Amino acid sequence: MSVAELEIQEGDAGRRVDVVLARLVPALSRARAKRLIEEGLVRVDGRRVKKSYIVSAGDRVTLESVPGPVDFYAAPDPDLALDVLVENEGYVVVAKPAGVPSHPLKEGERGTLAGALVARYPEMRDVGYSKREPGILHRLDNDTSGVMLAARDQATFDALRRQLQAGEIEKRYLARCQGIVPAPMIIDTPIAKDPRDNRRVRACTDPREIKRLRAQPAATEILTSTPAEHGSLVEIRANNARRHQIRAHLASIGHPLLGDPLYGGPSPGRHLLHAVSIQLGTGPRIVSPWNRAQRAEGAEPDV
């Protein structure tokens, strides 16, 4: 359990507080939000409210006890195609399509990479951070495509997790950004959850904000930048990227991803980010189907 504070934005003004909580807090269904309110664990500007309370822009909603997400086994989904790039006794590397969630948000959900993995590799069922993420070492956002690493046994998972945390697994990405992005450069602005919108993170530059929001260190290295339609095609290294780190970092320097309105990028469509390769220690680089050779030939990437 933890405490959370949200500031109501114009887009949510005029809605019931239970509806807003269920929308902004991933761990809450509307029913769970109602129970928290009935138990007196939700306050608006310091006052307890009823579930029917209508919020206004600027209201500060405090949850005194935020439940963690309910855990459950990912439902095997043999119908979802799995693009396996590398397979050995300890781990697999797969290519996730854009639009496919890394793991389910509700029990029985199908169409997730986790479901496809556990259908093909049932030994992954009890491996990993949680039941919903069988063997998965790192996530990609729904609209992000590209390489993902998953372990087939707990010992391999633990060893790879240590490598990941130590920055010994190199991960590279391709991004289509607004404007002409300078390169090479490193964006090392700390990242924190956005207290005003649970869907976002915030790149923090003010020392007081870094302390108040408990921002965490983060580094996004821009390796190359090539002019492309509507902006730039950028190659990025981010070995241990936090949630939405690349998206928030690029937006913080005025170059949001194309198709990423959450961070100020031109829309419509999906945000254009592709996890292009992964390298474990000194091993060979494992590249997603769209690679440098195709890039040199002028082929269009997934981004």
Protein backbone atom coordinates (compact mmCIF):
# COMPACT_ATOMS: atom_id res chain seq x y z
CA MET A 1 0.00 0.00 0.00
CA SER A 2 1.10 3.60 -0.65
CA VAL A 3 -0.21 7.17 -0.66
CA ALA A 4 -0.91 9.05 -3.88
CA GLU A 5 -2.00 12.59 -4.70
CA LEU A 6 -3.58 13.67 -7.98
CA GLU A 7 -4.46 17.13 -9.26
CA ILE A 8 -7.65 17.26 -11.33
CA GLN A 9 -7.16 18.67 -14.83
CA GLU A 10 -9.71 20.45 -17.02
CA GLY A 11 -10.41 17.28 -18.98
CA ASP A 12 -11.73 15.50 -15.87
CA ALA A 13 -13.64 18.45 -14.37
CA GLY A 14 -17.36 17.71 -13.94
CA ARG A 15 -16.90 13.96 -13.50
CA ARG A 16 -17.60 11.83 -10.43
CA VAL A 17 -14.56 11.24 -8.25
CA ASP A 18 -14.86 7.44 -8.48
CA VAL A 19 -14.89 7.63 -12.29
CA VAL A 20 -11.80 9.86 -12.32
CA LEU A 21 -9.90 7.60 -9.90
CA ALA A 22 -10.64 4.50 -11.97
CA ARG A 23 -9.37 6.31 -15.08
CA LEU A 24 -6.17 7.73 -13.58
CA VAL A 25 -5.03 4.93 -11.26
CA PRO A 26 -4.29 1.69 -13.18
CA ALA A 27 -4.61 -0.46 -10.04
CA LEU A 28 -8.19 0.69 -9.44
CA SER A 29 -11.38 -0.53 -11.04
CA ARG A 30 -14.40 1.67 -10.46
CA ALA A 31 -15.69 -0.80 -7.86
CA ARG A 32 -12.39 -0.68 -5.95
CA ALA A 33 -12.39 3.13 -6.15
CA LYS A 34 -15.88 3.20 -4.63
CA ARG A 35 -14.78 0.94 -1.77
CA LEU A 36 -11.83 3.20 -0.95
CA ILE A 37 -14.15 6.21 -0.90
CA GLU A 38 -16.68 4.41 1.34
CA GLU A 39 -13.84 3.46 3.71
CA GLY A 40 -12.87 7.13 4.04
CA LEU A 41 -9.51 6.65 2.33
CA VAL A 42 -10.10 9.27 -0.37
CA ARG A 43 -10.00 13.01 0.35
CA VAL A 44 -10.49 16.03 -1.89
CA ASP A 45 -8.59 19.10 -0.67
CA GLY A 46 -8.32 17.37 2.70
CA ARG A 47 -12.02 16.53 3.07
CA ARG A 48 -13.68 13.13 2.86
CA VAL A 49 -16.19 12.92 0.02
CA LYS A 50 -18.90 10.63 -1.31
CA LYS A 51 -18.42 8.55 -4.44
CA SER A 52 -20.86 10.84 -6.26
CA TYR A 53 -18.74 13.95 -5.56
CA ILE A 54 -18.16 15.99 -8.74
CA VAL A 55 -14.56 17.13 -9.09
CA SER A 56 -13.38 20.51 -10.36
CA ALA A 57 -10.17 21.51 -12.10
CA GLY A 58 -7.46 22.12 -9.51
CA ASP A 59 -8.94 19.77 -6.88
CA ARG A 60 -6.23 17.74 -5.13
CA VAL A 61 -7.39 14.17 -4.58
CA THR A 62 -5.47 12.15 -2.00
CA LEU A 63 -5.62 8.36 -1.76
CA GLU A 64 -4.44 7.35 1.68
CA SER A 65 -4.12 3.71 0.69
CA VAL A 66 -3.46 2.76 -2.92
CA PRO A 67 -3.78 -0.98 -3.58
CA GLY A 68 -1.17 -2.65 -5.70
CA PRO A 69 -2.31 -4.39 -8.86
CA VAL A 70 -4.00 -7.73 -8.39
CA ASP A 71 -1.70 -10.49 -9.65
CA PHE A 72 -2.87 -13.46 -11.70
CA TYR A 73 -1.44 -15.91 -14.19
CA ALA A 74 -1.26 -14.75 -17.80
CA ALA A 75 -3.74 -16.79 -19.84
CA PRO A 76 -1.93 -18.92 -22.47
CA ASP A 77 -2.75 -17.63 -25.94
CA PRO A 78 -1.57 -20.06 -28.64
CA ASP A 79 -3.47 -18.09 -31.30
CA LEU A 80 -1.19 -15.05 -31.06
CA ALA A 81 1.80 -15.40 -33.40
CA LEU A 82 5.19 -15.24 -31.68
CA ASP A 83 8.14 -13.93 -33.69
CA VAL A 84 11.15 -15.65 -32.07
CA LEU A 85 14.53 -14.11 -32.94
CA VAL A 86 16.69 -16.23 -30.60
CA GLU A 87 15.84 -19.31 -28.54
CA ASN A 88 18.09 -21.33 -26.22
CA GLU A 89 17.71 -23.35 -23.03
CA GLY A 90 17.79 -20.30 -20.76
CA TYR A 91 16.03 -17.47 -22.58
CA VAL A 92 14.30 -16.26 -25.71
CA VAL A 93 14.34 -12.96 -27.57
CA VAL A 94 11.16 -12.11 -29.44
CA ALA A 95 9.92 -9.24 -31.62
CA LYS A 96 6.77 -7.61 -30.22
CA PRO A 97 4.44 -6.02 -32.76
CA ALA A 98 3.09 -2.53 -32.19
CA GLY A 99 -0.35 -2.59 -30.58
CA VAL A 100 0.26 -5.80 -28.59
CA PRO A 101 0.42 -5.34 -24.78
CA SER A 102 3.46 -6.82 -23.04
CA HIS A 103 1.25 -8.37 -20.33
CA PRO A 104 -2.44 -8.49 -19.36
CA LEU A 105 -4.13 -5.92 -17.12
CA LYS A 106 -7.06 -8.15 -16.22
CA GLU A 107 -7.49 -11.87 -15.63
CA GLY A 108 -8.29 -13.91 -18.73
CA GLU A 109 -7.18 -11.15 -21.12
CA ARG A 110 -5.89 -12.48 -24.41
CA GLY A 111 -3.84 -10.93 -27.17
CA THR A 112 -0.79 -10.18 -24.99
CA LEU A 113 2.85 -11.11 -25.51
CA ALA A 114 2.86 -12.75 -22.06
CA GLY A 115 0.04 -15.06 -23.14
CA ALA A 116 1.86 -16.04 -26.33
CA LEU A 117 5.06 -16.72 -24.38
CA VAL A 118 3.48 -18.94 -21.74
CA ALA A 119 1.56 -20.86 -24.42
CA ARG A 120 4.79 -21.73 -26.24
CA TYR A 121 7.03 -21.97 -23.15
CA PRO A 122 4.83 -23.24 -20.28
CA GLU A 123 7.91 -23.50 -18.03
CA MET A 124 7.87 -19.67 -17.84
CA ARG A 125 4.59 -19.70 -15.89
CA ASP A 126 6.17 -19.13 -12.46
CA VAL A 127 9.28 -17.26 -13.61
CA GLY A 128 9.78 -13.50 -13.32
CA TYR A 129 8.64 -10.38 -11.52
CA SER A 130 4.99 -11.45 -11.32
CA LYS A 131 2.52 -14.06 -12.57
CA ARG A 132 1.24 -11.63 -15.22
CA GLU A 133 4.74 -11.23 -16.70
CA PRO A 134 6.01 -14.80 -17.22
CA GLY A 135 9.77 -14.61 -17.76
CA ILE A 136 9.66 -11.03 -19.07
CA LEU A 137 12.78 -9.02 -18.13
CA HIS A 138 11.66 -5.63 -19.46
CA ARG A 139 8.44 -4.21 -20.87
CA LEU A 140 7.60 -2.21 -23.96
CA ASP A 141 4.63 0.15 -24.17
CA ASN A 142 1.67 -1.17 -26.17
CA ASP A 143 2.49 0.97 -29.20
CA THR A 144 6.25 0.36 -29.04
CA SER A 145 7.45 -2.47 -31.28
CA GLY A 146 10.65 -4.47 -31.23
CA VAL A 147 12.87 -6.81 -29.23
CA MET A 148 11.99 -8.19 -25.80
CA LEU A 149 13.92 -10.61 -23.60
CA ALA A 150 12.31 -13.36 -21.52
CA ALA A 151 13.87 -16.10 -19.34
CA ARG A 152 12.73 -19.71 -19.32
CA ASP A 153 13.82 -20.50 -15.73
CA GLN A 154 14.23 -18.52 -12.53
CA ALA A 155 18.02 -18.90 -12.30
CA THR A 156 18.47 -17.44 -15.77
CA PHE A 157 15.95 -14.70 -14.97
CA ASP A 158 17.87 -13.70 -11.82
CA ALA A 159 21.20 -13.65 -13.68
CA LEU A 160 19.80 -11.56 -16.55
CA ARG A 161 18.09 -9.19 -14.13
CA ARG A 162 21.43 -8.52 -12.42
CA GLN A 163 23.01 -7.82 -15.82
CA LEU A 164 20.14 -5.50 -16.74
CA GLN A 165 20.39 -3.57 -13.47
CA ALA A 166 24.15 -3.25 -13.91
CA GLY A 167 23.72 -1.80 -17.40
CA GLU A 168 25.43 -4.80 -19.00
CA ILE A 169 22.59 -5.43 -21.46
CA GLU A 170 22.63 -2.87 -24.25
CA LYS A 171 19.29 -1.85 -25.70
CA ARG A 172 18.96 0.35 -28.75
CA TYR A 173 15.88 2.01 -30.19
CA LEU A 174 14.78 3.88 -33.29
CA ALA A 175 12.45 6.84 -32.90
CA ARG A 176 10.72 9.19 -35.31
CA CYS A 177 10.73 12.65 -33.70
CA GLN A 178 9.40 16.10 -34.40
CA GLY A 179 12.04 18.57 -35.54
CA ILE A 180 15.75 18.13 -36.18
CA VAL A 181 17.27 16.33 -33.20
CA PRO A 182 20.92 17.13 -32.37
CA ALA A 183 23.31 14.18 -32.09
CA PRO A 184 25.27 12.82 -30.40
CA MET A 185 24.00 13.88 -26.97
CA ILE A 186 22.91 12.46 -23.63
CA ILE A 187 19.69 13.42 -21.85
CA ASP A 188 20.17 12.62 -18.16
CA THR A 189 17.24 14.44 -16.59
CA PRO A 190 15.80 12.46 -13.62
CA ILE A 191 12.39 10.86 -14.18
CA ALA A 192 9.42 10.87 -11.77
CA LYS A 193 5.77 9.91 -11.85
CA ASP A 194 3.63 12.87 -12.89
CA PRO A 195 1.46 13.73 -9.86
CA ARG A 196 -1.09 15.41 -12.11
CA ASP A 197 -1.59 12.55 -14.55
CA ASN A 198 -0.90 8.91 -13.66
CA ARG A 199 -0.59 8.04 -17.36
CA ARG A 200 2.61 10.09 -17.67
CA VAL A 201 6.05 10.53 -16.19
CA ARG A 202 7.88 13.83 -15.82
CA ALA A 203 11.45 14.83 -16.68
CA CYS A 204 12.50 16.92 -13.66
CA THR A 205 15.06 19.73 -13.82
CA ASP A 206 14.22 21.72 -10.67
CA PRO A 207 16.15 20.32 -7.64
CA ARG A 208 13.13 20.96 -5.42
CA GLU A 209 10.89 19.02 -7.79
CA ILE A 210 13.42 16.18 -8.01
CA LYS A 211 13.36 15.89 -4.22
CA ARG A 212 9.60 16.33 -3.81
CA LEU A 213 8.69 13.78 -6.50
CA ARG A 214 11.57 11.41 -5.64
CA ALA A 215 12.76 11.47 -9.24
CA GLN A 216 15.10 8.65 -10.25
CA PRO A 217 18.28 8.86 -12.37
CA ALA A 218 17.78 8.15 -16.07
CA ALA A 219 19.98 8.41 -19.16
CA THR A 220 18.92 8.42 -22.80
CA GLU A 221 21.84 8.55 -25.26
CA ILE A 222 21.11 9.86 -28.74
CA LEU A 223 23.63 8.15 -31.01
CA THR A 224 22.64 9.35 -34.47
CA SER A 225 20.00 11.61 -35.99
CA THR A 226 18.98 11.63 -39.66
CA PRO A 227 16.50 14.05 -41.28
CA ALA A 228 13.29 12.20 -42.14
CA GLU A 229 9.71 12.99 -43.10
CA HIS A 230 8.15 15.36 -40.54
CA GLY A 231 11.35 15.48 -38.46
CA SER A 232 14.18 13.08 -37.59
CA LEU A 233 14.91 9.37 -37.44
CA VAL A 234 16.94 8.94 -34.24
CA GLU A 235 18.97 6.00 -32.94
CA ILE A 236 19.00 5.78 -29.15
CA ARG A 237 20.75 3.74 -26.47
CA ALA A 238 18.94 3.33 -23.14
CA ASN A 239 20.18 0.23 -21.36
CA ASN A 240 17.94 0.36 -18.30
CA ALA A 241 15.13 2.64 -19.38
CA ARG A 242 12.38 3.52 -16.93
CA ARG A 243 8.69 3.68 -17.84
CA HIS A 244 8.15 6.17 -20.70
CA GLN A 245 11.72 7.42 -20.24
CA ILE A 246 12.57 7.85 -23.92
CA ARG A 247 9.23 9.49 -24.69
CA ALA A 248 9.51 11.95 -21.79
CA HIS A 249 13.19 12.73 -22.40
CA LEU A 250 12.70 13.51 -26.08
CA ALA A 251 9.68 15.67 -25.29
CA SER A 252 11.70 17.52 -22.62
CA ILE A 253 14.15 18.79 -25.26
CA GLY A 254 11.39 19.83 -27.64
CA HIS A 255 11.42 16.75 -29.90
CA PRO A 256 8.47 14.52 -28.95
CA LEU A 257 7.77 11.30 -30.80
CA LEU A 258 5.50 11.53 -33.80
CA GLY A 259 2.11 10.08 -32.89
CA ASP A 260 2.58 10.69 -29.14
CA PRO A 261 0.05 13.34 -28.03
CA LEU A 262 0.45 12.30 -24.38
CA TYR A 263 3.87 13.96 -24.48
CA GLY A 264 3.05 16.72 -26.95
CA GLY A 265 3.84 14.88 -30.17
CA PRO A 266 1.90 15.32 -33.41
CA SER A 267 -0.95 12.87 -33.80
CA PRO A 268 -2.86 10.84 -35.00
CA GLY A 269 -1.56 7.27 -35.06
CA ARG A 270 0.65 5.42 -32.62
CA HIS A 271 3.85 6.80 -31.16
CA LEU A 272 6.76 5.86 -33.43
CA LEU A 273 9.28 4.02 -31.26
CA HIS A 274 10.95 0.70 -32.12
CA ALA A 275 13.27 -1.39 -29.90
CA VAL A 276 15.71 -2.26 -32.66
CA SER A 277 18.33 -4.43 -30.91
CA ILE A 278 19.59 -5.98 -27.69
CA GLN A 279 23.04 -7.25 -26.75
CA LEU A 280 23.76 -9.40 -23.69
CA GLY A 281 27.23 -8.58 -22.36
CA THR A 282 29.84 -9.30 -25.02
CA GLY A 283 27.51 -11.58 -26.98
CA PRO A 284 26.26 -10.89 -30.51
CA ARG A 285 23.80 -8.07 -31.10
CA ILE A 286 20.29 -9.45 -31.62
CA VAL A 287 18.51 -7.26 -34.14
CA SER A 288 14.81 -6.97 -34.86
CA PRO A 289 13.69 -7.75 -38.42
CA TRP A 290 14.33 -4.18 -39.62
CA ASN A 291 18.10 -3.65 -39.44
CA ARG A 292 20.90 -1.33 -40.53
CA ALA A 293 21.32 -2.98 -43.93
CA GLN A 294 17.68 -2.40 -44.76
CA ARG A 295 18.03 1.15 -43.44
CA ALA A 296 20.95 1.78 -45.82
CA GLU A 297 18.82 0.50 -48.72
CA GLY A 298 16.13 3.01 -47.88
CA ALA A 299 13.53 0.53 -46.62
CA GLU A 300 10.82 1.86 -44.30
CA PRO A 301 11.14 0.70 -40.67
CA ASP A 302 8.32 -0.11 -38.28
CA VAL A 303 8.87 3.45 -37.09
